[in-house]
Amino acid sequence: MIDNKIDKFFPPGVVYIGYALLLFSLPVLISDILIGIALILFGSLLSFTFSGFQIDNVKNKYKEYTNCLGVYFGTWKSLDNYSCLVILTRNLGYKTYSRGQVEANTSDKYFEIYLMSENHRLRTLISRFKNKEIAIKKANDLEVRLNFNLETYCPS
């Protein structure tokens, strides 16, 4: 079984609000236990929910999932439609506005490993890295474990 955590489910601003709710819930927990517990659960939901990808190479199936407080949501699908692995470069950015409508942008470059169909039209994200060498090393490991070739992306 191969399990890759891909990214947080919510954008960074929402995750930070979740952390703030967790900190705020501690004093509230002392005065009102029900509201404190609700804030802890909601803050944990915002802060610790993430998406990921699992591959069961024995059963030849994969699952794109969301992990919400330790519960996995997602369905198993067949790997039969896929024939190779590719590494693609992607820029991910977030945009935030202040109360004065001042825009703040953040952008990061990622190297993503995808399962691809034979004609390169169908693709599914397996893993994401900020470092190219680590992405290549992981793709080479997946190539051996899944018996798929690591190819260059070339849509037809």
Protein backbone atom coordinates (compact mmCIF):
# COMPACT_ATOMS: atom_id res chain seq x y z
CA MET A 1 0.00 0.00 0.00
CA ILE A 2 1.36 3.39 -1.03
CA ASP A 3 -0.04 6.42 0.81
CA ASN A 4 0.84 10.02 -0.11
CA LYS A 5 -0.41 13.07 1.75
CA ILE A 6 -0.75 15.75 -0.95
CA ASP A 7 -1.82 19.00 0.69
CA LYS A 8 -4.06 20.69 3.21
CA PHE A 9 -7.69 20.69 2.11
CA PHE A 10 -8.26 24.36 2.96
CA PRO A 11 -6.17 27.37 1.84
CA PRO A 12 -3.52 28.74 4.25
CA GLY A 13 -5.69 31.58 5.59
CA VAL A 14 -8.43 29.16 6.67
CA VAL A 15 -5.86 26.81 8.24
CA TYR A 16 -4.48 29.71 10.33
CA ILE A 17 -8.02 30.57 11.46
CA GLY A 18 -8.32 26.94 12.58
CA TYR A 19 -5.13 27.25 14.63
CA ALA A 20 -6.43 30.48 16.18
CA LEU A 21 -9.71 28.76 17.07
CA LEU A 22 -7.76 25.98 18.78
CA LEU A 23 -5.85 28.52 20.87
CA PHE A 24 -9.01 30.50 21.64
CA SER A 25 -10.90 27.35 22.63
CA LEU A 26 -8.64 26.60 25.62
CA PRO A 27 -9.83 29.49 27.84
CA VAL A 28 -13.41 29.02 26.59
CA LEU A 29 -13.22 25.35 27.55
CA ILE A 30 -12.76 26.35 31.18
CA SER A 31 -15.86 28.57 31.28
CA ASP A 32 -18.21 26.63 28.95
CA ILE A 33 -17.23 23.08 28.15
CA LEU A 34 -19.72 22.52 25.28
CA ILE A 35 -18.71 25.65 23.37
CA GLY A 36 -15.04 24.85 24.06
CA ILE A 37 -15.38 21.34 22.66
CA ALA A 38 -17.25 22.68 19.59
CA LEU A 39 -14.45 25.21 18.96
CA ILE A 40 -11.80 22.49 19.33
CA LEU A 41 -13.61 20.25 16.83
CA PHE A 42 -14.16 23.07 14.33
CA GLY A 43 -10.58 24.35 14.68
CA SER A 44 -9.24 20.82 14.24
CA LEU A 45 -11.41 20.35 11.15
CA LEU A 46 -10.04 23.53 9.56
CA SER A 47 -6.42 22.91 10.58
CA PHE A 48 -5.90 19.20 10.09
CA THR A 49 -8.08 18.16 7.12
CA PHE A 50 -5.93 17.13 4.16
CA SER A 51 -6.15 15.42 0.79
CA GLY A 52 -4.10 12.45 -0.28
CA PHE A 53 -3.68 9.50 -2.59
CA GLN A 54 -3.47 5.77 -1.86
CA ILE A 55 -2.42 2.99 -4.21
CA ASP A 56 -3.06 -0.68 -3.50
CA ASN A 57 -0.70 -2.30 -6.01
CA VAL A 58 -1.81 -5.81 -4.95
CA LYS A 59 -5.45 -5.18 -5.96
CA ASN A 60 -4.44 -2.77 -8.77
CA LYS A 61 -6.60 0.06 -7.37
CA TYR A 62 -6.15 3.66 -6.24
CA LYS A 63 -8.08 6.13 -4.11
CA GLU A 64 -8.02 9.93 -4.03
CA TYR A 65 -9.14 10.78 -0.50
CA THR A 66 -9.85 13.54 1.97
CA ASN A 67 -8.85 12.85 5.57
CA CYS A 68 -11.17 14.68 7.93
CA LEU A 69 -10.23 14.19 11.61
CA GLY A 70 -8.88 10.70 10.90
CA VAL A 71 -11.77 9.56 8.70
CA TYR A 72 -10.91 8.84 5.05
CA PHE A 73 -13.43 9.85 2.36
CA GLY A 74 -12.92 8.57 -1.18
CA THR A 75 -13.67 5.63 -3.45
CA TRP A 76 -11.38 2.96 -4.86
CA LYS A 77 -10.89 2.98 -8.64
CA SER A 78 -9.02 0.71 -11.04
CA LEU A 79 -5.49 1.48 -12.27
CA ASP A 80 -6.24 -0.17 -15.63
CA ASN A 81 -6.78 3.19 -17.41
CA TYR A 82 -3.23 4.33 -16.58
CA SER A 83 0.02 3.26 -18.22
CA CYS A 84 2.79 5.64 -17.11
CA LEU A 85 4.05 8.22 -14.63
CA VAL A 86 5.06 11.81 -15.43
CA ILE A 87 6.49 14.74 -13.48
CA LEU A 88 4.91 18.13 -14.22
CA THR A 89 5.82 21.58 -12.93
CA ARG A 90 3.05 23.73 -11.50
CA ASN A 91 2.83 27.15 -9.88
CA LEU A 92 0.27 27.33 -7.08
CA GLY A 93 -0.73 30.69 -5.69
CA TYR A 94 -3.06 32.16 -3.14
CA LYS A 95 -4.58 35.61 -3.12
CA THR A 96 -5.78 37.35 0.05
CA TYR A 97 -7.44 40.73 0.53
CA SER A 98 -7.22 42.89 3.63
CA ARG A 99 -10.09 44.98 4.97
CA GLY A 100 -8.71 47.93 2.97
CA GLN A 101 -8.86 45.79 -0.20
CA VAL A 102 -5.08 45.53 -0.41
CA GLU A 103 -4.15 42.37 -2.29
CA ALA A 104 -1.46 39.97 -1.03
CA ASN A 105 -0.26 37.22 -3.38
CA THR A 106 1.84 34.17 -2.61
CA SER A 107 3.05 31.74 -5.24
CA ASP A 108 5.14 28.57 -5.02
CA LYS A 109 6.58 26.24 -7.66
CA TYR A 110 5.80 22.55 -7.23
CA PHE A 111 6.86 19.36 -8.97
CA GLU A 112 3.91 16.99 -9.19
CA ILE A 113 3.87 13.27 -10.00
CA TYR A 114 0.87 12.10 -12.05
CA LEU A 115 -0.50 8.80 -13.26
CA MET A 116 -1.20 9.20 -17.00
CA SER A 117 -3.17 7.28 -19.58
CA GLU A 118 -1.48 6.04 -22.74
CA ASN A 119 -2.55 9.10 -24.78
CA HIS A 120 -1.74 11.47 -21.84
CA ARG A 121 -5.30 12.83 -21.74
CA LEU A 122 -6.30 11.26 -18.43
CA ARG A 123 -4.16 12.19 -15.43
CA THR A 124 -4.41 11.83 -11.67
CA LEU A 125 -2.19 13.56 -9.11
CA ILE A 126 -0.20 11.17 -6.91
CA SER A 127 2.21 13.44 -5.04
CA ARG A 128 3.53 17.02 -4.84
CA PHE A 129 7.01 18.29 -3.90
CA LYS A 130 8.81 21.64 -3.74
CA ASN A 131 12.17 20.02 -4.53
CA LYS A 132 12.76 18.59 -8.03
CA GLU A 133 15.35 16.02 -6.92
CA ILE A 134 13.01 14.58 -4.27
CA ALA A 135 10.19 14.39 -6.86
CA ILE A 136 12.44 12.51 -9.30
CA LYS A 137 13.58 10.12 -6.56
CA LYS A 138 9.96 9.43 -5.51
CA ALA A 139 8.88 8.96 -9.15
CA ASN A 140 11.69 6.46 -9.72
CA ASP A 141 10.59 4.57 -6.58
CA LEU A 142 6.96 4.54 -7.79
CA GLU A 143 8.13 3.38 -11.24
CA VAL A 144 9.66 0.28 -9.67
CA ARG A 145 6.85 -0.40 -7.19
CA LEU A 146 3.99 0.06 -9.71
CA ASN A 147 5.76 -1.29 -12.79
CA PHE A 148 4.86 1.86 -14.76
CA ASN A 149 7.34 3.76 -16.95
CA LEU A 150 8.41 7.30 -16.07
CA GLU A 151 7.81 9.27 -19.27
CA THR A 152 8.02 12.82 -20.60
CA TYR A 153 4.65 14.57 -20.90
CA CYS A 154 3.60 14.82 -24.55
CA PRO A 155 -0.15 15.20 -25.23
CA SER A 156 -1.30 13.77 -28.56
